[in-house]
Protein backbone atom coordinates (compact mmCIF):
# COMPACT_ATOMS: atom_id res chain seq x y z
CA MET A 1 0.00 0.00 0.00
CA CYS A 2 2.85 2.34 0.86
CA ARG A 3 4.51 1.67 -2.52
CA LEU A 4 1.29 2.49 -4.32
CA LEU A 5 1.08 5.85 -2.57
CA ILE A 6 4.73 6.61 -3.42
CA ILE A 7 4.17 5.71 -7.07
CA LEU A 8 0.99 7.78 -7.29
CA GLY A 9 2.77 10.73 -5.65
CA ALA A 10 5.66 10.48 -8.11
CA MET A 11 3.27 10.33 -11.06
CA ALA A 12 1.41 13.40 -9.80
CA ALA A 13 4.67 15.30 -9.40
CA LEU A 14 5.82 14.38 -12.91
CA SER A 15 2.54 15.44 -14.47
CA GLY A 16 2.82 18.77 -12.66
CA ILE A 17 6.34 19.26 -14.00
CA SER A 18 5.31 18.46 -17.57
CA ALA A 19 2.44 20.94 -17.31
CA CYS A 20 5.02 23.65 -16.56
CA ALA A 21 7.24 22.68 -19.49
CA PRO A 22 7.60 25.31 -22.23
CA GLU A 23 5.33 24.94 -25.22
CA VAL A 24 6.83 23.48 -28.37
CA ASP A 25 6.81 25.70 -31.43
CA ILE A 26 4.88 23.58 -33.94
CA GLU A 27 5.83 25.82 -36.86
CA ALA A 28 9.52 25.22 -36.18
CA GLU A 29 8.98 21.45 -36.06
CA VAL A 30 7.10 21.45 -39.35
CA SER A 31 9.73 23.58 -41.06
CA ASN A 32 12.47 21.25 -39.83
CA LEU A 33 10.66 18.30 -41.35
CA THR A 34 10.21 20.03 -44.70
CA ASP A 35 13.95 20.74 -44.76
CA GLU A 36 14.42 17.00 -45.33
CA GLY A 37 12.13 16.82 -48.36
CA PRO A 38 8.80 15.11 -49.00
CA TYR A 39 10.04 11.69 -47.83
CA GLY A 40 12.99 12.67 -45.70
CA GLY A 41 14.19 10.87 -42.62
CA HIS A 42 13.86 7.28 -43.78
CA SER A 43 16.53 4.58 -43.78
CA ILE A 44 18.49 3.52 -46.84
CA GLN A 45 16.60 0.21 -46.74
CA TRP A 46 13.24 2.07 -46.92
CA TYR A 47 14.42 4.04 -49.94
CA LYS A 48 15.73 0.84 -51.52
CA VAL A 49 12.33 -0.88 -51.29
CA LYS A 50 10.50 2.20 -52.62
CA TRP A 51 13.19 3.07 -55.16
CA ASN A 52 10.85 3.55 -58.11
CA THR A 53 8.08 5.53 -56.42
CA LEU A 54 8.60 7.62 -53.29
CA THR A 55 12.38 7.69 -53.56
CA ASN A 56 12.09 9.31 -57.00
CA ASP A 57 10.10 12.19 -55.48
CA GLN A 58 12.66 12.60 -52.69
CA ARG A 59 15.56 12.61 -55.17
CA ARG A 60 13.82 15.22 -57.37
CA TRP A 61 13.39 17.44 -54.33
CA CYS A 62 17.04 16.93 -53.41
CA GLN A 63 18.21 17.91 -56.90
CA GLN A 64 16.60 21.31 -56.41
CA GLN A 65 18.50 21.97 -53.16
CA ALA A 66 21.74 23.90 -53.33
CA ASP A 67 23.24 22.07 -50.35
CA LYS A 68 21.93 18.61 -51.22
CA LYS A 69 25.23 16.91 -50.29
CA SER A 70 24.83 18.07 -46.68
CA ILE A 71 21.24 16.77 -46.35
CA GLN A 72 21.41 13.24 -44.94
CA SER A 73 18.04 12.16 -46.38
CA CYS A 74 19.27 13.11 -49.87
CA ASN A 75 22.34 10.94 -49.46
CA ASP A 76 20.24 8.06 -48.08
CA ALA A 77 17.64 8.39 -50.86
CA ASP A 78 20.33 8.38 -53.54
CA THR A 79 22.07 5.33 -52.04
CA GLY A 80 18.75 3.49 -51.55
CA TRP A 81 17.62 4.29 -55.09
CA LYS A 82 20.84 2.89 -56.54
CA GLN A 83 20.63 -0.23 -54.38
CA GLY A 84 16.97 -0.81 -55.24
CA TRP A 85 17.58 -0.30 -58.95
CA GLY A 86 20.44 -2.81 -58.89
CA ASP A 87 18.65 -5.45 -56.79
CA PRO A 88 16.75 -8.13 -58.78
CA LYS A 89 14.30 -8.50 -55.86
CA THR A 90 13.14 -4.89 -56.14
CA ASN A 91 13.87 -4.44 -59.87
CA PRO A 92 13.39 -7.80 -61.62
CA PRO A 93 14.76 -8.18 -65.14
CA ARG A 94 12.33 -7.72 -68.02
CA ARG A 95 13.88 -10.60 -69.93
CA TRP A 96 15.29 -13.95 -68.93
CA GLU A 97 18.92 -14.73 -69.67
CA ASP A 98 17.87 -16.74 -72.78
CA GLY A 99 16.22 -13.61 -74.19
CA SER A 100 12.60 -14.65 -73.64
CA GLU A 101 10.28 -12.10 -72.08
CA LEU A 102 8.75 -12.38 -68.63
CA ASP A 103 5.04 -13.12 -68.47
């Protein structure tokens, strides 16, 4: 019973502290996210899987940025796009090795 009262007291104190925390500027958060592009912030693996759809949009956005080399999501999107394009699992060949077409 004593532990329960201690836990409840601690929870009440923490909720009081969080209520006094400064408000977060939502505009600043949104602008930070848009600085990474339309699909920024994903892993190279994510860009690899989506290499022919969403990654294309991210790479187009990156090409318009003057400092694209310093934007991590641009580097990740470019690497993921190249890996996805070169991977037969995500970019299967259109023809078999004997020259016949895929169904």
